[in-house]
């Protein structure tokens, strides 16, 4: 909680045993209203809910909140669960999650594009090499 309280532009309104509620001023927002952020870390999950009164948060706003509540090298994500598991208690809230004890795999960067400082050609070559290795490995396991 002390780390969160020391984060610039985060005003903690309520505290609980495993989280709280805050108003957060986002530099990426085009409108001056603060976001409402509910955060928790119980049950093996880190969770941040971001909402505005009359609109969904933008991608840039969600990225800024991720930087405020998670470390730079922590992977966190927005889930798209099975439709039977949907929960929608607020029409303008989005959520960021991180599993605490298990590092989930993420797709390789080349499947998305070139990383910062990498040429598209290099990313494509990296992808082609990885696919070739995958196909060779798959051929060995079926033989």
C-alpha atoms as a PDB file:
ATOM      1  CA  UNK A   1       0.000   0.000   0.000  1.00  0.00           C
ATOM      2  CA  UNK A   2       2.857   2.396   0.758  1.00  0.00           C
ATOM      3  CA  UNK A   3       4.193   1.919  -2.791  1.00  0.00           C
ATOM      4  CA  UNK A   4       0.790   2.751  -4.253  1.00  0.00           C
ATOM      5  CA  UNK A   5       0.373   5.782  -1.990  1.00  0.00           C
ATOM      6  CA  UNK A   6       3.755   7.120  -3.090  1.00  0.00           C
ATOM      7  CA  UNK A   7       2.828   6.887  -6.784  1.00  0.00           C
ATOM      8  CA  UNK A   8       2.431  10.381  -8.256  1.00  0.00           C
ATOM      9  CA  UNK A   9      -1.127  11.334  -9.280  1.00  0.00           C
ATOM     10  CA  UNK A  10      -2.716   8.508  -7.216  1.00  0.00           C
ATOM     11  CA  UNK A  11      -4.998   9.596  -4.368  1.00  0.00           C
ATOM     12  CA  UNK A  12      -6.037   6.597  -2.245  1.00  0.00           C
ATOM     13  CA  UNK A  13      -9.607   7.177  -0.966  1.00  0.00           C
ATOM     14  CA  UNK A  14     -10.276   3.855   0.798  1.00  0.00           C
ATOM     15  CA  UNK A  15      -7.946   1.129   2.069  1.00  0.00           C
ATOM     16  CA  UNK A  16      -8.760  -2.509   2.707  1.00  0.00           C
ATOM     17  CA  UNK A  17      -6.749  -5.503   3.889  1.00  0.00           C
ATOM     18  CA  UNK A  18      -5.869  -6.502   0.303  1.00  0.00           C
ATOM     19  CA  UNK A  19      -6.456  -3.386  -1.756  1.00  0.00           C
ATOM     20  CA  UNK A  20      -8.314  -0.147  -2.026  1.00  0.00           C
ATOM     21  CA  UNK A  21     -10.007   2.511  -4.091  1.00  0.00           C
ATOM     22  CA  UNK A  22      -8.287   5.548  -5.588  1.00  0.00           C
ATOM     23  CA  UNK A  23      -8.759   8.502  -7.860  1.00  0.00           C
ATOM     24  CA  UNK A  24      -6.018   8.653 -10.465  1.00  0.00           C
ATOM     25  CA  UNK A  25      -5.047  11.624 -12.615  1.00  0.00           C
ATOM     26  CA  UNK A  26      -3.891  10.271 -15.982  1.00  0.00           C
ATOM     27  CA  UNK A  27      -1.603  12.330 -18.189  1.00  0.00           C
ATOM     28  CA  UNK A  28      -2.880  10.371 -21.192  1.00  0.00           C
ATOM     29  CA  UNK A  29      -6.503  11.487 -20.622  1.00  0.00           C
ATOM     30  CA  UNK A  30      -7.831  14.086 -22.993  1.00  0.00           C
ATOM     31  CA  UNK A  31     -10.439  15.115 -20.403  1.00  0.00           C
ATOM     32  CA  UNK A  32      -9.448  16.418 -16.966  1.00  0.00           C
ATOM     33  CA  UNK A  33     -11.625  14.036 -14.922  1.00  0.00           C
ATOM     34  CA  UNK A  34      -9.757  11.510 -12.773  1.00  0.00           C
ATOM     35  CA  UNK A  35     -10.207   7.783 -13.327  1.00  0.00           C
ATOM     36  CA  UNK A  36     -11.629   5.645 -10.554  1.00  0.00           C
ATOM     37  CA  UNK A  37      -9.290   2.751  -9.829  1.00  0.00           C
ATOM     38  CA  UNK A  38     -10.124  -0.205  -7.602  1.00  0.00           C
ATOM     39  CA  UNK A  39      -7.083  -2.354  -6.836  1.00  0.00           C
ATOM     40  CA  UNK A  40      -6.484  -5.586  -4.958  1.00  0.00           C
ATOM     41  CA  UNK A  41      -3.875  -8.287  -4.459  1.00  0.00           C
ATOM     42  CA  UNK A  42      -5.733 -11.080  -2.643  1.00  0.00           C
ATOM     43  CA  UNK A  43      -6.409 -14.666  -3.663  1.00  0.00           C
ATOM     44  CA  UNK A  44      -3.196 -15.000  -5.665  1.00  0.00           C
ATOM     45  CA  UNK A  45      -4.122 -12.266  -8.151  1.00  0.00           C
ATOM     46  CA  UNK A  46      -3.160  -8.633  -8.605  1.00  0.00           C
ATOM     47  CA  UNK A  47      -6.137  -6.749 -10.031  1.00  0.00           C
ATOM     48  CA  UNK A  48      -6.816  -3.190 -11.122  1.00  0.00           C
ATOM     49  CA  UNK A  49     -10.213  -1.965 -12.307  1.00  0.00           C
ATOM     50  CA  UNK A  50     -10.223   1.331 -14.220  1.00  0.00           C
ATOM     51  CA  UNK A  51     -13.381   3.306 -14.939  1.00  0.00           C
ATOM     52  CA  UNK A  52     -14.791   6.682 -15.816  1.00  0.00           C
ATOM     53  CA  UNK A  53     -18.309   7.865 -15.156  1.00  0.00           C
ATOM     54  CA  UNK A  54     -19.402   8.090 -18.794  1.00  0.00           C
ATOM     55  CA  UNK A  55     -16.857   6.327 -21.028  1.00  0.00           C
ATOM     56  CA  UNK A  56     -14.467   3.400 -21.264  1.00  0.00           C
ATOM     57  CA  UNK A  57     -10.772   3.984 -20.619  1.00  0.00           C
ATOM     58  CA  UNK A  58      -8.623   4.230 -23.738  1.00  0.00           C
ATOM     59  CA  UNK A  59      -5.695   1.931 -24.537  1.00  0.00           C
ATOM     60  CA  UNK A  60      -3.250   4.710 -23.580  1.00  0.00           C
ATOM     61  CA  UNK A  61      -5.018   5.219 -20.249  1.00  0.00           C
ATOM     62  CA  UNK A  62      -4.918   1.482 -19.497  1.00  0.00           C
ATOM     63  CA  UNK A  63      -1.189   1.419 -20.356  1.00  0.00           C
ATOM     64  CA  UNK A  64      -0.571   4.329 -18.004  1.00  0.00           C
ATOM     65  CA  UNK A  65      -2.478   2.609 -15.167  1.00  0.00           C
ATOM     66  CA  UNK A  66      -0.506  -0.605 -15.841  1.00  0.00           C
ATOM     67  CA  UNK A  67       2.719   1.377 -15.413  1.00  0.00           C
ATOM     68  CA  UNK A  68       1.414   2.918 -12.173  1.00  0.00           C
ATOM     69  CA  UNK A  69       0.302  -0.334 -10.497  1.00  0.00           C
ATOM     70  CA  UNK A  70       2.690  -2.946 -11.937  1.00  0.00           C
ATOM     71  CA  UNK A  71       6.452  -3.171 -12.356  1.00  0.00           C
ATOM     72  CA  UNK A  72       7.897  -2.626 -15.855  1.00  0.00           C
ATOM     73  CA  UNK A  73       8.850  -6.300 -16.365  1.00  0.00           C
ATOM     74  CA  UNK A  74       5.623  -7.771 -14.947  1.00  0.00           C
ATOM     75  CA  UNK A  75       3.239  -9.146 -17.518  1.00  0.00           C
ATOM     76  CA  UNK A  76      -0.346  -8.105 -16.900  1.00  0.00           C
ATOM     77  CA  UNK A  77      -3.321  -8.540 -19.197  1.00  0.00           C
ATOM     78  CA  UNK A  78      -6.950  -7.789 -19.953  1.00  0.00           C
ATOM     79  CA  UNK A  79      -8.970 -10.987 -20.135  1.00  0.00           C
ATOM     80  CA  UNK A  80     -11.647 -11.953 -22.615  1.00  0.00           C
ATOM     81  CA  UNK A  81     -13.223 -14.878 -20.731  1.00  0.00           C
ATOM     82  CA  UNK A  82     -15.759 -17.408 -21.916  1.00  0.00           C
ATOM     83  CA  UNK A  83     -19.086 -15.630 -22.410  1.00  0.00           C
ATOM     84  CA  UNK A  84     -20.644 -17.792 -19.683  1.00  0.00           C
ATOM     85  CA  UNK A  85     -18.159 -16.170 -17.243  1.00  0.00           C
ATOM     86  CA  UNK A  86     -18.822 -12.536 -18.199  1.00  0.00           C
ATOM     87  CA  UNK A  87     -19.324 -10.099 -15.326  1.00  0.00           C
ATOM     88  CA  UNK A  88     -20.353  -6.533 -16.114  1.00  0.00           C
ATOM     89  CA  UNK A  89     -21.176  -4.515 -13.011  1.00  0.00           C
ATOM     90  CA  UNK A  90     -20.085  -1.207 -14.525  1.00  0.00           C
ATOM     91  CA  UNK A  91     -20.557  -0.360 -18.212  1.00  0.00           C
ATOM     92  CA  UNK A  92     -17.373   1.734 -18.384  1.00  0.00           C
ATOM     93  CA  UNK A  93     -14.866  -0.389 -16.425  1.00  0.00           C
ATOM     94  CA  UNK A  94     -11.919  -2.362 -17.778  1.00  0.00           C
ATOM     95  CA  UNK A  95      -9.649  -4.637 -15.750  1.00  0.00           C
ATOM     96  CA  UNK A  96      -5.962  -5.533 -15.650  1.00  0.00           C
ATOM     97  CA  UNK A  97      -4.879  -8.829 -14.046  1.00  0.00           C
ATOM     98  CA  UNK A  98      -1.646 -10.530 -13.009  1.00  0.00           C
ATOM     99  CA  UNK A  99      -1.304 -14.004 -11.559  1.00  0.00           C
ATOM    100  CA  UNK A 100       1.138 -13.710  -8.638  1.00  0.00           C
ATOM    101  CA  UNK A 101       2.901 -17.061  -8.325  1.00  0.00           C
ATOM    102  CA  UNK A 102       2.909 -18.355 -11.900  1.00  0.00           C
ATOM    103  CA  UNK A 103       4.373 -16.574 -14.910  1.00  0.00           C
ATOM    104  CA  UNK A 104       2.027 -17.291 -17.803  1.00  0.00           C
ATOM    105  CA  UNK A 105       3.540 -17.635 -21.259  1.00  0.00           C
ATOM    106  CA  UNK A 106       3.097 -14.801 -23.698  1.00  0.00           C
ATOM    107  CA  UNK A 107       3.285 -14.952 -27.493  1.00  0.00           C
ATOM    108  CA  UNK A 108       6.705 -14.132 -28.959  1.00  0.00           C
ATOM    109  CA  UNK A 109       7.073 -10.513 -30.069  1.00  0.00           C
ATOM    110  CA  UNK A 110       7.703 -11.520 -33.696  1.00  0.00           C
ATOM    111  CA  UNK A 111       4.105 -12.784 -33.883  1.00  0.00           C
ATOM    112  CA  UNK A 112       2.979  -9.173 -33.383  1.00  0.00           C
ATOM    113  CA  UNK A 113       5.662  -7.234 -35.229  1.00  0.00           C
ATOM    114  CA  UNK A 114       9.038  -5.616 -34.700  1.00  0.00           C
ATOM    115  CA  UNK A 115      10.140  -4.688 -31.177  1.00  0.00           C
ATOM    116  CA  UNK A 116      11.463  -1.215 -30.443  1.00  0.00           C
ATOM    117  CA  UNK A 117      14.891  -0.932 -32.092  1.00  0.00           C
ATOM    118  CA  UNK A 118      14.332  -4.001 -34.310  1.00  0.00           C
ATOM    119  CA  UNK A 119      13.704  -3.844 -38.040  1.00  0.00           C
ATOM    120  CA  UNK A 120      10.645  -5.555 -39.489  1.00  0.00           C
ATOM    121  CA  UNK A 121      13.002  -7.647 -41.627  1.00  0.00           C
ATOM    122  CA  UNK A 122      14.801  -8.897 -38.493  1.00  0.00           C
ATOM    123  CA  UNK A 123      11.484  -9.682 -36.787  1.00  0.00           C
ATOM    124  CA  UNK A 124      10.327 -11.660 -39.842  1.00  0.00           C
ATOM    125  CA  UNK A 125      13.608 -13.589 -39.956  1.00  0.00           C
ATOM    126  CA  UNK A 126      13.286 -14.365 -36.233  1.00  0.00           C
ATOM    127  CA  UNK A 127       9.740 -15.603 -36.815  1.00  0.00           C
ATOM    128  CA  UNK A 128      10.690 -17.745 -39.799  1.00  0.00           C
ATOM    129  CA  UNK A 129      13.538 -19.346 -37.834  1.00  0.00           C
ATOM    130  CA  UNK A 130      11.259 -20.066 -34.859  1.00  0.00           C
ATOM    131  CA  UNK A 131       8.532 -21.544 -37.092  1.00  0.00           C
ATOM    132  CA  UNK A 132      11.085 -23.725 -38.850  1.00  0.00           C
ATOM    133  CA  UNK A 133      12.389 -24.994 -35.491  1.00  0.00           C
ATOM    134  CA  UNK A 134       8.820 -25.623 -34.337  1.00  0.00           C
ATOM    135  CA  UNK A 135       7.987 -27.598 -37.493  1.00  0.00           C
ATOM    136  CA  UNK A 136      11.185 -29.639 -37.193  1.00  0.00           C
ATOM    137  CA  UNK A 137      10.411 -30.424 -33.536  1.00  0.00           C
ATOM    138  CA  UNK A 138       6.796 -31.318 -34.388  1.00  0.00           C
ATOM    139  CA  UNK A 139       8.020 -33.646 -37.152  1.00  0.00           C
ATOM    140  CA  UNK A 140      10.302 -35.453 -34.690  1.00  0.00           C
ATOM    141  CA  UNK A 141       7.533 -36.015 -32.154  1.00  0.00           C
ATOM    142  CA  UNK A 142       5.108 -37.513 -34.690  1.00  0.00           C
ATOM    143  CA  UNK A 143       7.669 -39.818 -36.315  1.00  0.00           C
END
